[in-house]
Structure formats: structure tokens, C-alpha cells
């Protein structure tokens, strides 16, 4: 069990000092691994390719210095993170607007995000800090600052189940579970050691995206270095292959029923994968592309619309950062 620090809900003080050094450090950490994952697949299943240009919309994140994570909130609300600064933006998909919501303290990062709409909580993966942060989505106040891992760590993504939040670490063969009770109270983080194929540490970037199926009884993780998806038993840490064929650049993932949307960052596409009932196989039924994709990393689903963040990794002049919406079909 890891140490935790809980803080009372309070207003977040405004801190707008530049944190460019941290942003550069996090981006530099990401680039070698993403580049390594960019090799073409050795084999690819048959698939169709869709481009939804007429429905594509770009929503700017004003003042963002970087971007990586996105989460669906209540209704058409979304949250997006500034990767290097740790700041959180709140936007409205229908209105096509976004604004700074949480000005995070210096030294934080924001990678994967998930919103617990029942308890008005936002869970944020802290990247190389080895931490996770939890905020109140009503006020923006900090609820908890959680130490998940020490040493070499990159807390990458998070998913929510009825029991709590599960986080990935791209530098270790383990997940972290933070219990959340029915009143929204957080328990102490627990470490889940992985066995099976998801345990492999074969590149600079290993476990990445995470989602859940079967009412949270099974987790699915993306492994960037292996270009693969695996199931994980959250009770035991036992993992197993999902046969999909190679998924180069696989990053954030999201499950809806028997469908998984797998974002492939440097490939600038999202694979829509139909899972078998026993979760041992997945068929890529569609590849979603957009002229607005500029290294998308994570995805949220709003009805029949996907919302993704453009991270623009490797772009020498990335310009502003934005959320892009495309049709999910």
C-alpha cells in the first residue's frame, strides 16, 4: 500500500507562472517511446477506412501549453488536461467552447483523465510525478494528492468502475487502484502486480490506455511497445491477449459495450474494434481518420461523437492546442 495525502476541498489559488521546463521534460519523455511504436504492423486485419470531414469540429483550449487527456463530464461537458502544467480545462461540446478551470500548482502534470459524475470528482494521472490528483468538478478544489509509485514511473491513464479508479504505469508492470465508496470518499491506493503478457517491459513506453468492460469485472489495457490490447483481472492482476493484429501507436482506449475505440497517436487514427464475447479476440471493423488529427492521444464518447485531444508531439511549431470531434461511426 502506498502513502497518500488527502487535503480538504478548497478553492484552488491562481498560479499562472510559466512552467515551460516541466512541459518540455514530459514531452521529451514521451517522444522516444511514441517514435518506437510508430513502426508499421507486421500484419493487419481487413478493415474499412472512414473519414468524417463534414462532422469534424475543432475546439481550442485557450492558453494551453500542451495537451493529452480528455474526460466526459455531465451532459456535453468535457475536461481536458495541459500535459506539462497539470492545468485542467472545462468545455462544452455543444457550444464548442472551453476555458481554464483548474490552475494546478507548480510541478504537476495531467496525462489521462476520468470524471466520476456521480460523486463530482475528476481523477488525473500525474505522469512522471508518480502521483494522481483528484479534484472537485463543482468547485475545482483539490480533493486528494495521491502517491501511487516511487522510482521510475509514468502514471499514464485512468479508468473508473463502480468500485474506484484504476491507473496504469508505463514504466512498471503494475496497476494502481484507488477505492471510491458510495459517498465519494477515497480509500488508500493499492498496487496490483501484473502477470501474463501485459507484464512485458519491452520499450520505453509500455502500459498506456486503460478501460473496463463487463461492469468493471474486467479491465482492458493498451500496451504501446507491444502494439497490443490485453485483458486484466482486477482482483488478481492476471492478463491475457486480445487477438486484434498489431495496433501501432496505440494510446488511449475506451470501451462501450462490446466495442473498443483505440487511439493510435502518430498514426493519426482511431480503430473501432468489435470484441468477441469471451474477450479473446477483437476485429478492427473501422478506422476513423480526420484531417484535423494532429497526434491525438485520448478519447471520450458523447453519444455518436468522439472527442479527442491533439497532443501534437514532435511538432516544432504546434501552435494552439485543441479538442477535435468526429463521428464515432
Protein backbone atom coordinates (compact mmCIF):
# COMPACT_ATOMS: atom_id res chain seq x y z
CA UNK A 1 0.00 0.00 0.00
CA UNK A 2 1.33 3.44 -0.87
CA UNK A 3 1.31 6.62 1.16
CA UNK A 4 -1.45 9.13 0.48
CA UNK A 5 -2.09 12.75 1.26
CA UNK A 6 -5.68 13.92 1.41
CA UNK A 7 -6.49 17.60 1.51
CA UNK A 8 -9.85 19.21 2.25
CA UNK A 9 -11.93 20.61 -0.56
CA UNK A 10 -10.92 24.22 -1.02
CA UNK A 11 -10.66 26.89 -3.70
CA UNK A 12 -7.56 26.48 -5.86
CA UNK A 13 -5.29 29.54 -5.72
CA UNK A 14 -4.47 31.14 -9.04
CA UNK A 15 -0.97 30.35 -10.20
CA UNK A 16 -0.26 31.38 -13.77
CA UNK A 17 3.58 31.31 -13.66
CA UNK A 18 5.15 29.70 -16.71
CA UNK A 19 6.10 26.04 -16.34
CA UNK A 20 7.76 25.54 -19.72
CA UNK A 21 10.62 23.46 -18.32
CA UNK A 22 8.27 20.82 -16.95
CA UNK A 23 6.27 20.73 -20.17
CA UNK A 24 9.44 20.16 -22.21
CA UNK A 25 10.62 17.42 -19.85
CA UNK A 26 7.35 15.48 -20.05
CA UNK A 27 7.16 15.83 -23.84
CA UNK A 28 10.76 14.67 -24.22
CA UNK A 29 9.90 11.59 -22.13
CA UNK A 30 7.01 10.75 -24.43
CA UNK A 31 8.63 11.21 -27.81
CA UNK A 32 11.16 8.35 -27.91
CA UNK A 33 8.55 5.79 -26.95
CA UNK A 34 5.97 7.09 -29.36
CA UNK A 35 8.55 7.03 -32.11
CA UNK A 36 9.44 3.44 -31.29
CA UNK A 37 5.81 2.46 -31.54
CA UNK A 38 5.41 4.08 -34.94
CA UNK A 39 6.76 1.15 -36.96
CA UNK A 40 4.20 -0.35 -39.39
CA UNK A 41 2.41 -3.50 -38.25
CA UNK A 42 3.73 -6.87 -39.31
CA UNK A 43 0.20 -7.92 -40.15
CA UNK A 44 -3.11 -6.11 -40.25
CA UNK A 45 -6.65 -7.49 -40.28
CA UNK A 46 -9.02 -6.42 -43.06
CA UNK A 47 -10.72 -3.16 -42.26
CA UNK A 48 -12.58 -0.24 -43.76
CA UNK A 49 -11.39 3.34 -43.52
CA UNK A 50 -13.72 6.20 -42.66
CA UNK A 51 -13.12 9.93 -42.84
CA UNK A 52 -15.82 12.14 -41.35
CA UNK A 53 -14.70 15.55 -42.60
CA UNK A 54 -18.11 17.24 -42.64
CA UNK A 55 -18.69 16.48 -38.95
CA UNK A 56 -15.21 17.30 -37.69
CA UNK A 57 -15.04 20.26 -35.31
CA UNK A 58 -12.05 21.82 -33.51
CA UNK A 59 -12.47 23.40 -30.05
CA UNK A 60 -9.46 25.49 -28.89
CA UNK A 61 -8.03 25.18 -25.38
CA UNK A 62 -7.10 28.85 -24.84
CA UNK A 63 -3.68 29.33 -23.27
CA UNK A 64 -2.78 25.63 -23.10
CA UNK A 65 0.95 24.88 -23.37
CA UNK A 66 0.37 21.19 -24.19
CA UNK A 67 -2.45 18.64 -24.13
CA UNK A 68 -3.01 14.92 -23.65
CA UNK A 69 -6.06 13.78 -21.68
CA UNK A 70 -9.81 14.19 -22.07
CA UNK A 71 -12.79 13.06 -19.99
CA UNK A 72 -16.55 13.22 -20.40
CA UNK A 73 -18.44 15.08 -17.69
CA UNK A 74 -22.16 15.69 -17.22
CA UNK A 75 -24.17 16.28 -20.39
CA UNK A 76 -21.99 17.87 -23.05
CA UNK A 77 -19.27 18.92 -20.58
CA UNK A 78 -15.70 17.74 -21.14
CA UNK A 79 -12.43 18.16 -19.27
CA UNK A 80 -9.02 18.34 -20.96
CA UNK A 81 -5.57 18.49 -19.41
CA UNK A 82 -2.47 20.58 -20.03
CA UNK A 83 0.14 17.81 -20.02
CA UNK A 84 3.17 19.78 -18.80
CA UNK A 85 1.47 22.24 -16.46
CA UNK A 86 -1.18 19.99 -14.96
CA UNK A 87 -3.91 22.56 -15.59
CA UNK A 88 -7.44 21.42 -16.40
CA UNK A 89 -9.76 22.99 -18.97
CA UNK A 90 -13.52 22.62 -18.90
CA UNK A 91 -15.51 22.87 -22.12
CA UNK A 92 -18.90 22.31 -23.68
CA UNK A 93 -19.14 20.14 -26.78
CA UNK A 94 -22.44 21.66 -27.92
CA UNK A 95 -21.24 25.24 -27.55
CA UNK A 96 -17.81 24.45 -28.97
CA UNK A 97 -16.04 26.40 -26.21
CA UNK A 98 -13.53 25.71 -23.45
CA UNK A 99 -11.82 27.70 -20.69
CA UNK A 100 -9.30 27.20 -17.92
CA UNK A 101 -10.97 25.54 -14.95
CA UNK A 102 -8.16 24.42 -12.61
CA UNK A 103 -4.84 26.27 -12.44
CA UNK A 104 -2.74 23.48 -10.95
CA UNK A 105 0.15 24.07 -8.54
CA UNK A 106 3.66 24.11 -9.98
CA UNK A 107 5.27 20.73 -10.61
CA UNK A 108 2.13 18.84 -11.62
CA UNK A 109 1.30 17.10 -14.88
CA UNK A 110 -2.01 15.96 -16.38
CA UNK A 111 -1.99 12.85 -18.56
CA UNK A 112 -5.11 10.63 -18.59
CA UNK A 113 -8.37 11.93 -17.06
CA UNK A 114 -11.70 10.43 -15.99
CA UNK A 115 -14.70 12.14 -14.41
CA UNK A 116 -16.82 10.47 -11.75
CA UNK A 117 -20.09 12.31 -12.45
CA UNK A 118 -21.91 10.57 -9.59
CA UNK A 119 -19.53 11.98 -6.99
CA UNK A 120 -18.42 15.15 -8.82
CA UNK A 121 -14.78 14.04 -8.90
CA UNK A 122 -12.10 14.30 -11.58
CA UNK A 123 -9.22 11.79 -11.49
CA UNK A 124 -5.96 12.90 -13.13
CA UNK A 125 -2.89 10.78 -13.91
CA UNK A 126 0.27 12.60 -12.89
CA UNK A 127 2.82 11.18 -15.35
CA UNK A 128 6.45 11.18 -14.18
CA UNK A 129 5.46 12.58 -10.77
CA UNK A 130 4.30 9.08 -9.80
CA UNK A 131 1.14 10.65 -8.41
CA UNK A 132 -2.55 11.02 -9.12
CA UNK A 133 -4.68 14.06 -8.37
CA UNK A 134 -8.39 14.25 -7.60
CA UNK A 135 -10.41 17.45 -7.97
CA UNK A 136 -13.95 18.55 -7.19
CA UNK A 137 -15.71 19.16 -10.53
CA UNK A 138 -18.11 21.65 -8.95
CA UNK A 139 -15.52 23.98 -7.46
CA UNK A 140 -12.17 22.91 -8.93
CA UNK A 141 -10.84 22.38 -5.41
CA UNK A 142 -8.26 19.69 -4.75
CA UNK A 143 -9.69 16.62 -3.03
CA UNK A 144 -6.58 14.42 -2.89
CA UNK A 145 -2.94 14.22 -3.91
CA UNK A 146 -2.06 10.52 -4.05
CA UNK A 147 1.38 8.93 -4.22
CA UNK A 148 0.99 5.82 -6.38
CA UNK A 149 4.56 4.86 -7.28
CA UNK A 150 8.13 5.78 -6.39
CA UNK A 151 11.25 5.43 -8.50
CA UNK A 152 10.85 5.10 -12.26
CA UNK A 153 7.20 5.82 -13.01
CA UNK A 154 4.90 7.37 -15.56
CA UNK A 155 1.29 7.32 -14.35
CA UNK A 156 -0.37 7.39 -17.74
CA UNK A 157 -4.09 6.76 -17.81
CA UNK A 158 -7.08 6.02 -15.59
CA UNK A 159 -10.44 4.28 -15.82
CA UNK A 160 -13.36 4.19 -13.39
CA UNK A 161 -15.52 1.29 -12.23
CA UNK A 162 -18.23 1.12 -9.58
CA UNK A 163 -15.51 0.35 -7.04
CA UNK A 164 -12.99 3.06 -7.83
CA UNK A 165 -10.22 4.23 -10.14
CA UNK A 166 -7.51 2.14 -11.83
CA UNK A 167 -4.28 3.75 -13.11
CA UNK A 168 -1.57 2.48 -15.46
CA UNK A 169 2.18 2.95 -15.10
CA UNK A 170 4.09 2.95 -18.39
CA UNK A 171 7.35 2.14 -16.59
CA UNK A 172 6.26 -0.77 -14.36
CA UNK A 173 4.24 -3.98 -14.69
CA UNK A 174 1.57 -2.89 -12.25
CA UNK A 175 -1.71 -1.04 -11.91
CA UNK A 176 -2.91 1.11 -9.02
CA UNK A 177 -6.40 1.01 -7.55
CA UNK A 178 -7.95 3.85 -5.56
CA UNK A 179 -11.21 2.76 -3.86
CA UNK A 180 -14.16 5.16 -4.00
CA UNK A 181 -17.20 4.46 -1.81
CA UNK A 182 -20.82 5.40 -2.49
CA UNK A 183 -20.34 8.75 -0.76
CA UNK A 184 -17.32 9.64 -2.90
CA UNK A 185 -14.80 9.05 -0.11
CA UNK A 186 -11.42 7.80 -1.26
CA UNK A 187 -9.55 4.86 0.18
CA UNK A 188 -5.79 4.27 0.22
CA UNK A 189 -4.16 3.29 -3.10
CA UNK A 190 -3.40 -0.37 -3.69
CA UNK A 191 -0.81 -1.84 -6.07
CA UNK A 192 -1.84 -4.64 -8.43
CA UNK A 193 1.14 -6.61 -9.78
CA UNK A 194 0.56 -7.93 -13.29
CA UNK A 195 1.30 -11.39 -14.65
CA UNK A 196 0.95 -12.69 -18.19
CA UNK A 197 1.64 -10.79 -21.43
CA UNK A 198 0.75 -7.32 -20.10
CA UNK A 199 3.69 -7.61 -17.71
CA UNK A 200 6.23 -7.18 -20.53
CA UNK A 201 8.55 -4.18 -20.30
CA UNK A 202 9.92 -4.17 -23.83
CA UNK A 203 10.20 -0.49 -24.67
CA UNK A 204 10.44 2.98 -23.22
CA UNK A 205 6.64 3.10 -23.16
CA UNK A 206 4.66 0.02 -22.13
CA UNK A 207 1.22 0.12 -20.49
CA UNK A 208 -0.72 3.12 -21.71
CA UNK A 209 -4.52 3.41 -22.04
CA UNK A 210 -6.99 1.58 -19.81
CA UNK A 211 -10.73 0.93 -19.87
CA UNK A 212 -13.17 -1.56 -18.35
CA UNK A 213 -15.88 -3.95 -19.55
CA UNK A 214 -18.39 -6.34 -18.01
CA UNK A 215 -19.45 -3.85 -15.29
CA UNK A 216 -15.86 -3.37 -14.22
CA UNK A 217 -15.14 -7.06 -13.69
CA UNK A 218 -12.50 -6.98 -16.44
CA UNK A 219 -10.02 -4.27 -17.35
CA UNK A 220 -8.50 -3.78 -20.80
CA UNK A 221 -5.09 -2.17 -21.15
CA UNK A 222 -3.22 -0.90 -24.20
CA UNK A 223 0.48 -1.77 -24.46
CA UNK A 224 2.24 0.73 -26.72
CA UNK A 225 5.51 -1.16 -27.15
CA UNK A 226 3.72 -4.43 -27.94
CA UNK A 227 1.10 -2.71 -30.17
CA UNK A 228 -1.50 -4.79 -28.38
CA UNK A 229 -4.53 -4.93 -26.10
CA UNK A 230 -4.77 -7.21 -23.07
CA UNK A 231 -7.46 -8.09 -20.56
CA UNK A 232 -6.57 -7.83 -16.87
CA UNK A 233 -8.38 -9.38 -13.92
CA UNK A 234 -8.52 -6.50 -11.40
CA UNK A 235 -8.59 -8.94 -8.48
CA UNK A 236 -5.52 -10.97 -9.40
CA UNK A 237 -3.57 -8.94 -11.99
CA UNK A 238 -3.63 -11.89 -14.42
CA UNK A 239 -3.56 -10.66 -18.03
CA UNK A 240 -4.40 -12.32 -21.36
CA UNK A 241 -4.13 -11.49 -25.05
CA UNK A 242 -6.88 -9.94 -27.12
CA UNK A 243 -6.06 -11.05 -30.66
CA UNK A 244 -6.51 -7.98 -32.86
CA UNK A 245 -3.44 -7.89 -35.07
CA UNK A 246 -0.83 -5.20 -34.49
CA UNK A 247 -2.08 -1.79 -33.34
CA UNK A 248 0.85 0.58 -33.96
CA UNK A 249 1.00 3.72 -31.78
CA UNK A 250 -1.85 2.52 -29.57
CA UNK A 251 -2.51 5.08 -26.84
CA UNK A 252 -5.80 5.89 -25.10
CA UNK A 253 -8.65 3.36 -25.30
CA UNK A 254 -12.35 3.46 -24.47
CA UNK A 255 -14.89 0.64 -24.27
CA UNK A 256 -18.61 0.94 -24.93
CA UNK A 257 -20.42 -2.38 -24.77
CA UNK A 258 -18.52 -4.83 -26.98
CA UNK A 259 -16.76 -2.01 -28.88
CA UNK A 260 -13.33 -0.58 -28.09
CA UNK A 261 -12.09 2.66 -29.59
CA UNK A 262 -8.28 2.55 -29.75
CA UNK A 263 -6.49 5.84 -30.43
CA UNK A 264 -3.29 5.43 -32.47
CA UNK A 265 -1.45 8.68 -31.88
CA UNK A 266 1.27 9.07 -34.55
CA UNK A 267 -0.88 7.09 -36.99
CA UNK A 268 -3.50 9.85 -36.65
CA UNK A 269 -6.39 7.43 -36.47
CA UNK A 270 -8.82 5.60 -34.20
CA UNK A 271 -9.51 1.89 -34.68
CA UNK A 272 -13.05 0.76 -33.84
CA UNK A 273 -12.73 -2.80 -32.58
CA UNK A 274 -15.53 -5.33 -32.12
CA UNK A 275 -14.76 -7.66 -29.19
CA UNK A 276 -15.71 -11.31 -29.02
CA UNK A 277 -17.94 -12.32 -26.12
CA UNK A 278 -15.10 -14.14 -24.39
CA UNK A 279 -12.77 -11.12 -24.88
CA UNK A 280 -10.08 -13.23 -26.53
CA UNK A 281 -10.43 -11.64 -29.98
CA UNK A 282 -11.11 -8.25 -31.48
CA UNK A 283 -11.89 -7.41 -35.08
CA UNK A 284 -10.99 -3.96 -36.42
CA UNK A 285 -14.23 -3.00 -38.15
CA UNK A 286 -13.38 0.58 -39.00
CA UNK A 287 -10.50 3.04 -38.95
CA UNK A 288 -11.62 6.59 -38.23
CA UNK A 289 -9.48 9.41 -39.57
CA UNK A 290 -9.75 13.18 -39.77
CA UNK A 291 -7.79 15.98 -41.44
CA UNK A 292 -7.88 17.69 -38.03
CA UNK A 293 -5.99 14.89 -36.24
CA UNK A 294 -2.54 16.03 -35.11
CA UNK A 295 -1.30 13.16 -32.95
CA UNK A 296 -4.50 12.51 -30.96
CA UNK A 297 -3.90 10.67 -27.71
CA UNK A 298 -7.07 10.02 -25.71
CA UNK A 299 -10.78 9.83 -26.43
CA UNK A 300 -14.17 10.43 -24.82
CA UNK A 301 -17.54 9.33 -26.20
CA UNK A 302 -20.61 11.59 -26.35
CA UNK A 303 -23.44 9.61 -27.92
CA UNK A 304 -22.32 9.05 -31.52
CA UNK A 305 -19.49 11.59 -31.30
CA UNK A 306 -15.86 11.02 -30.34
CA UNK A 307 -13.91 13.84 -28.71
CA UNK A 308 -10.12 13.62 -28.84
CA UNK A 309 -7.21 15.78 -27.74
CA UNK A 310 -4.48 16.68 -30.22
CA UNK A 311 -1.14 16.33 -28.41
CA UNK A 312 0.96 17.44 -31.43
CA UNK A 313 4.01 15.52 -30.17
CA UNK A 314 7.08 16.20 -32.31
CA UNK A 315 5.59 19.29 -33.98
CA UNK A 316 8.29 22.01 -33.87
CA UNK A 317 5.62 24.72 -34.12
CA UNK A 318 2.49 23.17 -32.65
CA UNK A 319 0.55 26.41 -32.27
CA UNK A 320 -2.58 26.24 -30.13
CA UNK A 321 -3.96 23.03 -28.67
CA UNK A 322 -7.49 21.80 -29.20
CA UNK A 323 -10.12 19.12 -28.82
CA UNK A 324 -11.38 17.57 -32.06
CA UNK A 325 -14.75 15.89 -32.51
CA UNK A 326 -15.56 13.28 -35.14
CA UNK A 327 -18.36 10.78 -35.77
CA UNK A 328 -17.95 7.54 -33.85
CA UNK A 329 -19.18 5.57 -36.88
